[in-house]
Amino acid sequence: MKTILVTGGGGFLGSAIVRMLIERGDSVHVLYRKEYPEIEKTGVKVFRGDISNPSLVKKAVEGCNAVIHTAAKAGIWGKYEEYFQSNVQGTQNILDDCQSLGVSKLVYTSSPSVAYSSEGVEGADESIPYPRKYASHYSATKAQAEKLVLQANSPNLATCALRPHLIWGPKDNHLVPRIIAKAKQGRLRIVGKGSNLIDSIYIDNAAHAHILALDRLIYGKPPAGKVYFLSQDQPIPAKELINKIVQSAGLAPVEKHISPFAALVAGSLCEFFYSILCISEEPPMTRFLAHQLSAPHWFNIQAAKQDLDYAPVVSIEEGLARLQSYFQKK
């Protein structure tokens, strides 16, 4: 039995990883900011607070053999300093304590958005270089954190980074609820024709991949020091994925479209007015989001198949069936 810290252990991905670790008999520490009664009832050791707090992070890391670091500030809007504090400084705190307290393994949850800016990506693998400029603070700071993690790989601390693309499923608190909310309001639009292929990954597959990486993490051998794209390995048109999610909630499919140019203009205007009016909530559209919705984003995951022995354990069809069942029970 190992003792494993899961940062962001109350979040969508983190809680799925915690559940899987408990099911196989591992001892688990969790670090998160809010209260999660369901997780705390499982008997995990809870450390509540911000990952940018060095003393709290040290207490959470102490006594652990390994860390799965999923905690991050996500989103497409906000101050750079807030993203930097959580995503970069928080990751540096984790690395510092792993190194000083003798933790031997660290799996980091990165993002495919660290590998592109506003352009589409079709079939790229991990050799794709970091872009010179990023369209969002989230992507920029996640890239900085990913580099820190990979640079820290050593005989004493084996590290790797995973880039899951568009995680979805029951209890999602990002992608699915936003799509459903806009569909219910009649404000959801397909950007462009919706034929652009995009990757996604069901929540259980993303969590499973993290545990595969953790179990195989040994310095000098893959996956140590490497980064991996993760997906269902089944890119589908954006319109199809959006409508499958919408229909799983019992709503009519979305047929209204907006041109990529119009979405980009709307995003520019939203960013301008939200900035000058100092509105902290996320705009309905940004330039980054317009590009994300209209461009293809799918990846070659051969490296994850080979080094992690990764393959989806839940198909898109089964995942959608589970999502539909979840909505029916709500």
C-alpha atoms as a PDB file:
ATOM      1  CA  MET A   1       0.000   0.000   0.000  1.00  0.00           C
ATOM      2  CA  LYS A   2       1.307   3.412  -1.024  1.00  0.00           C
ATOM      3  CA  THR A   3       0.434   6.826   0.356  1.00  0.00           C
ATOM      4  CA  ILE A   4      -0.394   9.160  -2.507  1.00  0.00           C
ATOM      5  CA  LEU A   5      -1.226  12.863  -2.431  1.00  0.00           C
ATOM      6  CA  VAL A   6      -3.784  14.011  -4.994  1.00  0.00           C
ATOM      7  CA  THR A   7      -3.791  17.794  -5.320  1.00  0.00           C
ATOM      8  CA  GLY A   8      -7.117  19.132  -6.510  1.00  0.00           C
ATOM      9  CA  GLY A   9      -8.559  15.911  -5.100  1.00  0.00           C
ATOM     10  CA  GLY A  10     -12.042  17.401  -4.853  1.00  0.00           C
ATOM     11  CA  GLY A  11     -12.186  18.432  -8.489  1.00  0.00           C
ATOM     12  CA  PHE A  12     -13.650  16.553 -11.426  1.00  0.00           C
ATOM     13  CA  LEU A  13     -10.484  14.681 -12.419  1.00  0.00           C
ATOM     14  CA  GLY A  14      -8.921  14.630  -8.963  1.00  0.00           C
ATOM     15  CA  SER A  15     -11.935  13.039  -7.294  1.00  0.00           C
ATOM     16  CA  ALA A  16     -12.087  10.305  -9.962  1.00  0.00           C
ATOM     17  CA  ILE A  17      -8.408   9.518  -9.338  1.00  0.00           C
ATOM     18  CA  VAL A  18      -8.994   9.468  -5.565  1.00  0.00           C
ATOM     19  CA  ARG A  19     -11.871   7.028  -6.023  1.00  0.00           C
ATOM     20  CA  MET A  20      -9.745   4.661  -8.106  1.00  0.00           C
ATOM     21  CA  LEU A  21      -6.817   4.794  -5.673  1.00  0.00           C
ATOM     22  CA  ILE A  22      -9.077   4.013  -2.716  1.00  0.00           C
ATOM     23  CA  GLU A  23     -10.721   1.147  -4.601  1.00  0.00           C
ATOM     24  CA  ARG A  24      -7.368  -0.549  -5.071  1.00  0.00           C
ATOM     25  CA  GLY A  25      -6.321  -0.049  -1.458  1.00  0.00           C
ATOM     26  CA  ASP A  26      -3.951   2.910  -1.498  1.00  0.00           C
ATOM     27  CA  SER A  27      -3.768   5.428   1.334  1.00  0.00           C
ATOM     28  CA  VAL A  28      -4.670   8.873   0.042  1.00  0.00           C
ATOM     29  CA  HIS A  29      -3.970  12.473   1.037  1.00  0.00           C
ATOM     30  CA  VAL A  30      -6.029  15.161  -0.684  1.00  0.00           C
ATOM     31  CA  LEU A  31      -5.320  18.865  -0.990  1.00  0.00           C
ATOM     32  CA  TYR A  32      -8.139  21.175  -2.067  1.00  0.00           C
ATOM     33  CA  ARG A  33      -9.685  24.534  -1.227  1.00  0.00           C
ATOM     34  CA  LYS A  34     -13.398  23.782  -0.732  1.00  0.00           C
ATOM     35  CA  GLU A  35     -15.336  21.268   1.348  1.00  0.00           C
ATOM     36  CA  TYR A  36     -16.173  17.917  -0.263  1.00  0.00           C
ATOM     37  CA  PRO A  37     -18.152  15.845   2.270  1.00  0.00           C
ATOM     38  CA  GLU A  38     -18.462  12.836  -0.047  1.00  0.00           C
ATOM     39  CA  ILE A  39     -14.687  12.568  -0.352  1.00  0.00           C
ATOM     40  CA  GLU A  40     -14.049  13.202   3.331  1.00  0.00           C
ATOM     41  CA  LYS A  41     -16.394  10.327   4.253  1.00  0.00           C
ATOM     42  CA  THR A  42     -14.033   7.915   2.479  1.00  0.00           C
ATOM     43  CA  GLY A  43     -11.378   8.318   5.161  1.00  0.00           C
ATOM     44  CA  VAL A  44      -8.789  10.195   3.117  1.00  0.00           C
ATOM     45  CA  LYS A  45      -6.506  12.619   4.944  1.00  0.00           C
ATOM     46  CA  VAL A  46      -7.669  16.116   4.035  1.00  0.00           C
ATOM     47  CA  PHE A  47      -5.588  19.273   3.756  1.00  0.00           C
ATOM     48  CA  ARG A  48      -7.766  22.264   2.937  1.00  0.00           C
ATOM     49  CA  GLY A  49      -6.328  25.441   1.473  1.00  0.00           C
ATOM     50  CA  ASP A  50      -4.542  26.923  -1.503  1.00  0.00           C
ATOM     51  CA  ILE A  51      -1.708  25.148  -3.280  1.00  0.00           C
ATOM     52  CA  SER A  52       0.233  28.408  -3.355  1.00  0.00           C
ATOM     53  CA  ASN A  53       0.590  28.161   0.459  1.00  0.00           C
ATOM     54  CA  PRO A  54       4.049  26.554   1.000  1.00  0.00           C
ATOM     55  CA  SER A  55       3.481  25.462   4.607  1.00  0.00           C
ATOM     56  CA  LEU A  56       0.174  23.765   3.770  1.00  0.00           C
ATOM     57  CA  VAL A  57       1.670  21.994   0.768  1.00  0.00           C
ATOM     58  CA  LYS A  58       4.535  20.688   2.893  1.00  0.00           C
ATOM     59  CA  LYS A  59       2.095  19.178   5.413  1.00  0.00           C
ATOM     60  CA  ALA A  60       0.133  17.525   2.610  1.00  0.00           C
ATOM     61  CA  VAL A  61       3.232  16.052   0.939  1.00  0.00           C
ATOM     62  CA  GLU A  62       4.787  14.786   4.174  1.00  0.00           C
ATOM     63  CA  GLY A  63       4.541  11.010   4.542  1.00  0.00           C
ATOM     64  CA  CYS A  64       3.659  10.389   0.877  1.00  0.00           C
ATOM     65  CA  ASN A  65       5.427   8.100  -1.582  1.00  0.00           C
ATOM     66  CA  ALA A  66       3.999   9.801  -4.663  1.00  0.00           C
ATOM     67  CA  VAL A  67       2.001  12.813  -5.842  1.00  0.00           C
ATOM     68  CA  ILE A  68      -0.592  13.179  -8.585  1.00  0.00           C
ATOM     69  CA  HIS A  69      -0.815  16.919  -9.171  1.00  0.00           C
ATOM     70  CA  THR A  70      -4.131  17.889 -10.787  1.00  0.00           C
ATOM     71  CA  ALA A  71      -4.773  21.194  -8.976  1.00  0.00           C
ATOM     72  CA  ALA A  72      -4.822  24.278 -11.207  1.00  0.00           C
ATOM     73  CA  LYS A  73      -6.635  27.495 -11.900  1.00  0.00           C
ATOM     74  CA  ALA A  74      -8.572  26.779 -15.075  1.00  0.00           C
ATOM     75  CA  GLY A  75     -10.556  29.119 -17.300  1.00  0.00           C
ATOM     76  CA  ILE A  76     -10.245  31.588 -20.144  1.00  0.00           C
ATOM     77  CA  TRP A  77     -10.453  34.850 -18.221  1.00  0.00           C
ATOM     78  CA  GLY A  78      -8.847  36.542 -15.239  1.00  0.00           C
ATOM     79  CA  LYS A  79      -5.614  38.137 -14.086  1.00  0.00           C
ATOM     80  CA  TYR A  80      -2.306  36.622 -15.088  1.00  0.00           C
ATOM     81  CA  GLU A  81      -1.036  36.860 -11.500  1.00  0.00           C
ATOM     82  CA  GLU A  82      -3.825  34.571 -10.273  1.00  0.00           C
ATOM     83  CA  TYR A  83      -3.024  31.923 -12.890  1.00  0.00           C
ATOM     84  CA  PHE A  84       0.693  32.201 -12.180  1.00  0.00           C
ATOM     85  CA  GLN A  85       0.232  31.864  -8.434  1.00  0.00           C
ATOM     86  CA  SER A  86      -1.819  28.676  -8.688  1.00  0.00           C
ATOM     87  CA  ASN A  87      -0.362  27.005 -11.750  1.00  0.00           C
ATOM     88  CA  VAL A  88       3.314  27.922 -11.584  1.00  0.00           C
ATOM     89  CA  GLN A  89       4.053  28.801  -7.973  1.00  0.00           C
ATOM     90  CA  GLY A  90       1.774  26.028  -6.726  1.00  0.00           C
ATOM     91  CA  THR A  91       3.601  23.492  -8.894  1.00  0.00           C
ATOM     92  CA  GLN A  92       6.976  24.775  -7.704  1.00  0.00           C
ATOM     93  CA  ASN A  93       5.822  24.319  -4.098  1.00  0.00           C
ATOM     94  CA  ILE A  94       4.906  20.702  -4.851  1.00  0.00           C
ATOM     95  CA  LEU A  95       8.259  20.057  -6.531  1.00  0.00           C
ATOM     96  CA  ASP A  96      10.232  21.652  -3.696  1.00  0.00           C
ATOM     97  CA  ASP A  97       8.541  19.494  -1.075  1.00  0.00           C
ATOM     98  CA  CYS A  98       8.723  16.308  -3.133  1.00  0.00           C
ATOM     99  CA  GLN A  99      12.473  16.830  -3.420  1.00  0.00           C
ATOM    100  CA  SER A 100      13.044  17.772   0.223  1.00  0.00           C
ATOM    101  CA  LEU A 101      10.775  15.078   1.699  1.00  0.00           C
ATOM    102  CA  GLY A 102      11.910  12.148  -0.420  1.00  0.00           C
ATOM    103  CA  VAL A 103       8.849  11.626  -2.608  1.00  0.00           C
ATOM    104  CA  SER A 104       9.900   9.402  -5.503  1.00  0.00           C
ATOM    105  CA  LYS A 105       7.140   9.969  -8.101  1.00  0.00           C
ATOM    106  CA  LEU A 106       5.168  12.908  -9.476  1.00  0.00           C
ATOM    107  CA  VAL A 107       2.511  12.734 -12.189  1.00  0.00           C
ATOM    108  CA  TYR A 108       1.441  16.173 -13.412  1.00  0.00           C
ATOM    109  CA  THR A 109      -1.834  16.987 -15.172  1.00  0.00           C
ATOM    110  CA  SER A 110      -0.963  19.346 -18.000  1.00  0.00           C
ATOM    111  CA  SER A 111      -3.080  20.443 -20.967  1.00  0.00           C
ATOM    112  CA  PRO A 112      -2.868  20.037 -24.751  1.00  0.00           C
ATOM    113  CA  SER A 113      -3.304  23.813 -24.970  1.00  0.00           C
ATOM    114  CA  VAL A 114       0.339  24.212 -23.897  1.00  0.00           C
ATOM    115  CA  ALA A 115       1.308  22.919 -27.351  1.00  0.00           C
ATOM    116  CA  TYR A 116      -0.619  25.350 -29.560  1.00  0.00           C
ATOM    117  CA  SER A 117      -1.800  28.928 -29.682  1.00  0.00           C
ATOM    118  CA  SER A 118      -4.676  29.914 -31.974  1.00  0.00           C
ATOM    119  CA  GLU A 119      -3.986  27.442 -34.758  1.00  0.00           C
ATOM    120  CA  GLY A 120      -5.596  24.059 -35.198  1.00  0.00           C
ATOM    121  CA  VAL A 121      -3.766  20.800 -34.530  1.00  0.00           C
ATOM    122  CA  GLU A 122      -4.322  17.670 -36.584  1.00  0.00           C
ATOM    123  CA  GLY A 123      -2.622  14.428 -35.607  1.00  0.00           C
ATOM    124  CA  ALA A 124       0.318  16.051 -33.813  1.00  0.00           C
ATOM    125  CA  ASP A 125       2.404  14.030 -31.385  1.00  0.00           C
ATOM    126  CA  GLU A 126       4.531  15.097 -28.425  1.00  0.00           C
ATOM    127  CA  SER A 127       7.315  16.388 -30.684  1.00  0.00           C
ATOM    128  CA  ILE A 128       5.229  19.493 -31.445  1.00  0.00           C
ATOM    129  CA  PRO A 129       7.143  22.506 -30.016  1.00  0.00           C
ATOM    130  CA  TYR A 130       5.797  24.980 -27.506  1.00  0.00           C
ATOM    131  CA  PRO A 131       4.416  28.068 -29.303  1.00  0.00           C
ATOM    132  CA  ARG A 132       6.147  31.406 -28.881  1.00  0.00           C
ATOM    133  CA  LYS A 133       2.920  33.113 -27.789  1.00  0.00           C
ATOM    134  CA  TYR A 134      -0.209  31.908 -25.987  1.00  0.00           C
ATOM    135  CA  ALA A 135      -3.795  33.065 -26.398  1.00  0.00           C
ATOM    136  CA  SER A 136      -4.725  32.531 -22.724  1.00  0.00           C
ATOM    137  CA  HIS A 137      -3.118  32.913 -19.309  1.00  0.00           C
ATOM    138  CA  TYR A 138      -4.169  29.373 -18.486  1.00  0.00           C
ATOM    139  CA  SER A 139      -2.205  27.865 -21.375  1.00  0.00           C
ATOM    140  CA  ALA A 140       0.822  30.062 -20.750  1.00  0.00           C
ATOM    141  CA  THR A 141       1.088  29.206 -17.059  1.00  0.00           C
ATOM    142  CA  LYS A 142       0.339  25.509 -17.564  1.00  0.00           C
ATOM    143  CA  ALA A 143       3.210  25.412 -20.061  1.00  0.00           C
ATOM    144  CA  GLN A 144       5.559  26.997 -17.535  1.00  0.00           C
ATOM    145  CA  ALA A 145       4.502  24.465 -14.905  1.00  0.00           C
ATOM    146  CA  GLU A 146       4.880  21.537 -17.307  1.00  0.00           C
ATOM    147  CA  LYS A 147       8.463  22.603 -18.080  1.00  0.00           C
ATOM    148  CA  LEU A 148       9.257  22.820 -14.360  1.00  0.00           C
ATOM    149  CA  VAL A 149       7.943  19.290 -13.818  1.00  0.00           C
ATOM    150  CA  LEU A 150       9.877  17.775 -16.699  1.00  0.00           C
ATOM    151  CA  GLN A 151      13.087  19.589 -15.714  1.00  0.00           C
ATOM    152  CA  ALA A 152      12.766  18.201 -12.180  1.00  0.00           C
ATOM    153  CA  ASN A 153      12.920  14.583 -13.384  1.00  0.00           C
ATOM    154  CA  SER A 154      15.870  12.961 -11.590  1.00  0.00           C
ATOM    155  CA  PRO A 155      17.015   9.719  -9.937  1.00  0.00           C
ATOM    156  CA  ASN A 156      15.386  10.918  -6.704  1.00  0.00           C
ATOM    157  CA  LEU A 157      12.137  12.196  -8.206  1.00  0.00           C
ATOM    158  CA  ALA A 158      10.749  10.650 -11.391  1.00  0.00           C
ATOM    159  CA  THR A 159       8.265  12.966 -13.106  1.00  0.00           C
ATOM    160  CA  CYS A 160       5.987  12.951 -16.139  1.00  0.00           C
ATOM    161  CA  ALA A 161       3.198  15.119 -17.552  1.00  0.00           C
ATOM    162  CA  LEU A 162      -0.131  14.118 -19.090  1.00  0.00           C
ATOM    163  CA  ARG A 163      -2.176  16.222 -21.503  1.00  0.00           C
ATOM    164  CA  PRO A 164      -5.811  15.002 -21.493  1.00  0.00           C
ATOM    165  CA  HIS A 165      -8.014  16.819 -24.022  1.00  0.00           C
ATOM    166  CA  LEU A 166     -11.554  17.948 -23.106  1.00  0.00           C
ATOM    167  CA  ILE A 167     -12.412  15.736 -20.145  1.00  0.00           C
ATOM    168  CA  TRP A 168     -16.158  15.108 -19.831  1.00  0.00           C
ATOM    169  CA  GLY A 169     -18.618  12.885 -18.023  1.00  0.00           C
ATOM    170  CA  PRO A 170     -21.021  12.853 -15.046  1.00  0.00           C
ATOM    171  CA  LYS A 171     -20.262  15.473 -12.373  1.00  0.00           C
ATOM    172  CA  ASP A 172     -18.202  17.550 -14.808  1.00  0.00           C
ATOM    173  CA  ASN A 173     -18.066  21.122 -13.528  1.00  0.00           C
ATOM    174  CA  HIS A 174     -16.567  22.778 -16.624  1.00  0.00           C
ATOM    175  CA  LEU A 175     -17.356  21.615 -20.154  1.00  0.00           C
ATOM    176  CA  VAL A 176     -20.690  19.794 -19.853  1.00  0.00           C
ATOM    177  CA  PRO A 177     -22.561  22.254 -17.575  1.00  0.00           C
ATOM    178  CA  ARG A 178     -21.553  25.206 -19.746  1.00  0.00           C
ATOM    179  CA  ILE A 179     -22.808  23.505 -22.890  1.00  0.00           C
ATOM    180  CA  ILE A 180     -26.072  22.480 -21.215  1.00  0.00           C
ATOM    181  CA  ALA A 181     -26.675  25.901 -19.649  1.00  0.00           C
ATOM    182  CA  LYS A 182     -26.229  27.713 -22.972  1.00  0.00           C
ATOM    183  CA  ALA A 183     -28.424  25.164 -24.759  1.00  0.00           C
ATOM    184  CA  LYS A 184     -31.223  25.687 -22.218  1.00  0.00           C
ATOM    185  CA  GLN A 185     -30.933  29.468 -22.663  1.00  0.00           C
ATOM    186  CA  GLY A 186     -31.082  29.118 -26.442  1.00  0.00           C
ATOM    187  CA  ARG A 187     -27.660  30.781 -26.720  1.00  0.00           C
ATOM    188  CA  LEU A 188     -25.607  27.822 -27.903  1.00  0.00           C
ATOM    189  CA  ARG A 189     -24.188  28.123 -31.421  1.00  0.00           C
ATOM    190  CA  ILE A 190     -21.972  25.913 -33.541  1.00  0.00           C
ATOM    191  CA  VAL A 191     -18.936  27.936 -34.649  1.00  0.00           C
ATOM    192  CA  GLY A 192     -18.404  27.412 -38.375  1.00  0.00           C
ATOM    193  CA  LYS A 193     -19.774  24.246 -39.953  1.00  0.00           C
ATOM    194  CA  GLY A 194     -18.912  22.190 -36.889  1.00  0.00           C
ATOM    195  CA  SER A 195     -17.036  19.684 -39.033  1.00  0.00           C
ATOM    196  CA  ASN A 196     -13.692  20.395 -37.346  1.00  0.00           C
ATOM    197  CA  LEU A 197     -12.471  17.203 -35.681  1.00  0.00           C
ATOM    198  CA  ILE A 198     -11.754  17.373 -31.965  1.00  0.00           C
ATOM    199  CA  ASP A 199     -10.470  14.921 -29.394  1.00  0.00           C
ATOM    200  CA  SER A 200     -12.067  14.368 -26.018  1.00  0.00           C
ATOM    201  CA  ILE A 201     -11.634  11.945 -23.133  1.00  0.00           C
ATOM    202  CA  TYR A 202     -14.160  10.406 -20.774  1.00  0.00           C
ATOM    203  CA  ILE A 203     -13.414  11.060 -17.101  1.00  0.00           C
ATOM    204  CA  ASP A 204     -12.684   7.441 -16.123  1.00  0.00           C
ATOM    205  CA  ASN A 205     -10.208   7.099 -18.982  1.00  0.00           C
ATOM    206  CA  ALA A 206      -8.358  10.234 -17.920  1.00  0.00           C
ATOM    207  CA  ALA A 207      -8.158   9.045 -14.301  1.00  0.00           C
ATOM    208  CA  HIS A 208      -7.099   5.547 -15.389  1.00  0.00           C
ATOM    209  CA  ALA A 209      -4.254   7.003 -17.476  1.00  0.00           C
ATOM    210  CA  HIS A 210      -2.900   8.894 -14.459  1.00  0.00           C
ATOM    211  CA  ILE A 211      -2.719   5.708 -12.420  1.00  0.00           C
ATOM    212  CA  LEU A 212      -1.085   3.839 -15.294  1.00  0.00           C
ATOM    213  CA  ALA A 213       1.572   6.561 -15.457  1.00  0.00           C
ATOM    214  CA  LEU A 214       2.084   6.498 -11.695  1.00  0.00           C
ATOM    215  CA  ASP A 215       2.601   2.735 -11.616  1.00  0.00           C
ATOM    216  CA  ARG A 216       5.125   2.795 -14.474  1.00  0.00           C
ATOM    217  CA  LEU A 217       7.076   5.824 -13.312  1.00  0.00           C
ATOM    218  CA  ILE A 218      10.723   4.851 -12.795  1.00  0.00           C
ATOM    219  CA  TYR A 219      13.660   7.159 -13.502  1.00  0.00           C
ATOM    220  CA  GLY A 220      15.526   6.274 -16.677  1.00  0.00           C
ATOM    221  CA  LYS A 221      12.550   4.554 -18.312  1.00  0.00           C
ATOM    222  CA  PRO A 222       9.382   5.853 -19.977  1.00  0.00           C
ATOM    223  CA  PRO A 223       7.276   7.635 -18.883  1.00  0.00           C
ATOM    224  CA  ALA A 224       9.859   9.419 -16.684  1.00  0.00           C
ATOM    225  CA  GLY A 225      10.789  12.822 -18.075  1.00  0.00           C
ATOM    226  CA  LYS A 226       8.181  12.639 -20.818  1.00  0.00           C
ATOM    227  CA  VAL A 227       4.840  14.167 -21.722  1.00  0.00           C
ATOM    228  CA  TYR A 228       1.812  12.410 -23.234  1.00  0.00           C
ATOM    229  CA  PHE A 229      -1.337  13.439 -25.081  1.00  0.00           C
ATOM    230  CA  LEU A 230      -4.450  11.556 -23.930  1.00  0.00           C
ATOM    231  CA  SER A 231      -7.824  11.116 -25.602  1.00  0.00           C
ATOM    232  CA  GLN A 232     -10.484   8.629 -26.626  1.00  0.00           C
ATOM    233  CA  ASP A 233      -8.342   8.053 -29.729  1.00  0.00           C
ATOM    234  CA  GLN A 234     -11.505   8.794 -31.689  1.00  0.00           C
ATOM    235  CA  PRO A 235     -11.719  12.412 -32.901  1.00  0.00           C
ATOM    236  CA  ILE A 236     -15.222  13.423 -33.956  1.00  0.00           C
ATOM    237  CA  PRO A 237     -16.739  16.601 -35.463  1.00  0.00           C
ATOM    238  CA  ALA A 238     -17.277  19.368 -32.924  1.00  0.00           C
ATOM    239  CA  LYS A 239     -20.970  19.646 -33.808  1.00  0.00           C
ATOM    240  CA  GLU A 240     -21.471  15.930 -33.218  1.00  0.00           C
ATOM    241  CA  LEU A 241     -19.797  15.955 -29.804  1.00  0.00           C
ATOM    242  CA  ILE A 242     -21.679  19.057 -28.663  1.00  0.00           C
ATOM    243  CA  ASN A 243     -25.020  17.664 -29.759  1.00  0.00           C
ATOM    244  CA  LYS A 244     -24.382  14.253 -28.213  1.00  0.00           C
ATOM    245  CA  ILE A 245     -23.787  16.002 -24.883  1.00  0.00           C
ATOM    246  CA  VAL A 246     -26.843  18.234 -25.330  1.00  0.00           C
ATOM    247  CA  GLN A 247     -29.075  15.288 -26.217  1.00  0.00           C
ATOM    248  CA  SER A 248     -27.824  13.270 -23.237  1.00  0.00           C
ATOM    249  CA  ALA A 249     -29.514  15.944 -21.106  1.00  0.00           C
ATOM    250  CA  GLY A 250     -32.777  15.487 -23.001  1.00  0.00           C
ATOM    251  CA  LEU A 251     -32.441  18.683 -25.043  1.00  0.00           C
ATOM    252  CA  ALA A 252     -32.918  19.239 -28.764  1.00  0.00           C
ATOM    253  CA  PRO A 253     -29.758  19.262 -30.904  1.00  0.00           C
ATOM    254  CA  VAL A 254     -28.263  22.640 -31.765  1.00  0.00           C
ATOM    255  CA  GLU A 255     -28.687  23.683 -35.388  1.00  0.00           C
ATOM    256  CA  LYS A 256     -27.836  27.390 -35.281  1.00  0.00           C
ATOM    257  CA  HIS A 257     -24.369  28.399 -36.476  1.00  0.00           C
ATOM    258  CA  ILE A 258     -22.131  31.436 -36.228  1.00  0.00           C
ATOM    259  CA  SER A 259     -19.191  32.080 -38.538  1.00  0.00           C
ATOM    260  CA  PRO A 260     -15.660  31.805 -37.108  1.00  0.00           C
ATOM    261  CA  PHE A 261     -15.086  35.465 -38.054  1.00  0.00           C
ATOM    262  CA  ALA A 262     -18.216  36.603 -36.231  1.00  0.00           C
ATOM    263  CA  ALA A 263     -17.233  34.550 -33.171  1.00  0.00           C
ATOM    264  CA  LEU A 264     -13.777  36.130 -33.223  1.00  0.00           C
ATOM    265  CA  VAL A 265     -15.223  39.637 -33.440  1.00  0.00           C
ATOM    266  CA  ALA A 266     -17.637  38.849 -30.612  1.00  0.00           C
ATOM    267  CA  GLY A 267     -14.755  37.522 -28.539  1.00  0.00           C
ATOM    268  CA  SER A 268     -12.689  40.662 -29.148  1.00  0.00           C
ATOM    269  CA  LEU A 269     -15.587  42.907 -28.163  1.00  0.00           C
ATOM    270  CA  CYS A 270     -16.336  40.883 -25.033  1.00  0.00           C
ATOM    271  CA  GLU A 271     -12.705  41.030 -23.946  1.00  0.00           C
ATOM    272  CA  PHE A 272     -12.590  44.799 -24.550  1.00  0.00           C
ATOM    273  CA  PHE A 273     -15.716  45.655 -22.593  1.00  0.00           C
ATOM    274  CA  TYR A 274     -15.057  43.166 -19.786  1.00  0.00           C
ATOM    275  CA  SER A 275     -11.578  44.659 -19.391  1.00  0.00           C
ATOM    276  CA  ILE A 276     -12.539  48.319 -19.300  1.00  0.00           C
ATOM    277  CA  LEU A 277     -15.504  47.591 -17.003  1.00  0.00           C
ATOM    278  CA  CYS A 278     -13.311  45.380 -14.751  1.00  0.00           C
ATOM    279  CA  ILE A 279     -15.775  42.489 -14.895  1.00  0.00           C
ATOM    280  CA  SER A 280     -14.224  39.461 -13.225  1.00  0.00           C
ATOM    281  CA  GLU A 281     -16.665  36.803 -14.429  1.00  0.00           C
ATOM    282  CA  GLU A 282     -15.844  34.913 -17.602  1.00  0.00           C
ATOM    283  CA  PRO A 283     -17.111  36.475 -20.869  1.00  0.00           C
ATOM    284  CA  PRO A 284     -19.505  34.411 -23.009  1.00  0.00           C
ATOM    285  CA  MET A 285     -16.912  34.498 -25.803  1.00  0.00           C
ATOM    286  CA  THR A 286     -13.189  35.278 -26.110  1.00  0.00           C
ATOM    287  CA  ARG A 287     -10.776  35.099 -29.034  1.00  0.00           C
ATOM    288  CA  PHE A 288      -9.209  31.975 -27.525  1.00  0.00           C
ATOM    289  CA  LEU A 289     -12.610  30.285 -27.209  1.00  0.00           C
ATOM    290  CA  ALA A 290     -13.571  31.264 -30.769  1.00  0.00           C
ATOM    291  CA  HIS A 291     -10.434  29.572 -32.092  1.00  0.00           C
ATOM    292  CA  GLN A 292     -10.974  26.535 -29.864  1.00  0.00           C
ATOM    293  CA  LEU A 293     -14.510  25.992 -31.142  1.00  0.00           C
ATOM    294  CA  SER A 294     -13.768  26.471 -34.837  1.00  0.00           C
ATOM    295  CA  ALA A 295     -10.365  24.800 -35.340  1.00  0.00           C
ATOM    296  CA  PRO A 296      -9.513  21.083 -35.400  1.00  0.00           C
ATOM    297  CA  HIS A 297      -7.779  19.733 -32.291  1.00  0.00           C
ATOM    298  CA  TRP A 298      -6.835  16.078 -32.311  1.00  0.00           C
ATOM    299  CA  PHE A 299      -3.640  14.264 -31.411  1.00  0.00           C
ATOM    300  CA  ASN A 300      -1.574  11.166 -32.013  1.00  0.00           C
ATOM    301  CA  ILE A 301      -1.608   9.174 -28.743  1.00  0.00           C
ATOM    302  CA  GLN A 302       0.676   6.357 -29.874  1.00  0.00           C
ATOM    303  CA  ALA A 303       3.234   7.257 -27.179  1.00  0.00           C
ATOM    304  CA  ALA A 304       0.644   6.821 -24.407  1.00  0.00           C
ATOM    305  CA  LYS A 305      -0.406   3.490 -25.895  1.00  0.00           C
ATOM    306  CA  GLN A 306       3.178   2.286 -26.037  1.00  0.00           C
ATOM    307  CA  ASP A 307       4.678   3.664 -22.811  1.00  0.00           C
ATOM    308  CA  LEU A 308       1.625   3.643 -20.535  1.00  0.00           C
ATOM    309  CA  ASP A 309      -0.217   0.720 -22.095  1.00  0.00           C
ATOM    310  CA  TYR A 310      -3.118   3.175 -22.294  1.00  0.00           C
ATOM    311  CA  ALA A 311      -6.364   2.382 -24.059  1.00  0.00           C
ATOM    312  CA  PRO A 312      -9.808   3.817 -23.281  1.00  0.00           C
ATOM    313  CA  VAL A 313     -11.660   1.597 -20.805  1.00  0.00           C
ATOM    314  CA  VAL A 314     -14.934   3.431 -21.496  1.00  0.00           C
ATOM    315  CA  SER A 315     -16.061   4.149 -25.073  1.00  0.00           C
ATOM    316  CA  ILE A 316     -17.673   7.412 -26.148  1.00  0.00           C
ATOM    317  CA  GLU A 317     -20.979   5.582 -26.547  1.00  0.00           C
ATOM    318  CA  GLU A 318     -20.816   4.069 -23.060  1.00  0.00           C
ATOM    319  CA  GLY A 319     -19.729   7.392 -21.603  1.00  0.00           C
ATOM    320  CA  LEU A 320     -22.695   9.154 -23.182  1.00  0.00           C
ATOM    321  CA  ALA A 321     -25.029   6.480 -21.846  1.00  0.00           C
ATOM    322  CA  ARG A 322     -23.628   7.059 -18.358  1.00  0.00           C
ATOM    323  CA  LEU A 323     -23.989  10.819 -18.805  1.00  0.00           C
ATOM    324  CA  GLN A 324     -27.628  10.394 -19.860  1.00  0.00           C
ATOM    325  CA  SER A 325     -28.323   8.188 -16.841  1.00  0.00           C
ATOM    326  CA  TYR A 326     -26.705  10.832 -14.607  1.00  0.00           C
ATOM    327  CA  PHE A 327     -28.981  13.576 -15.969  1.00  0.00           C
ATOM    328  CA  GLN A 328     -32.061  11.399 -15.605  1.00  0.00           C
ATOM    329  CA  LYS A 329     -31.296  10.871 -11.897  1.00  0.00           C
ATOM    330  CA  LYS A 330     -30.781  14.576 -11.171  1.00  0.00           C
END
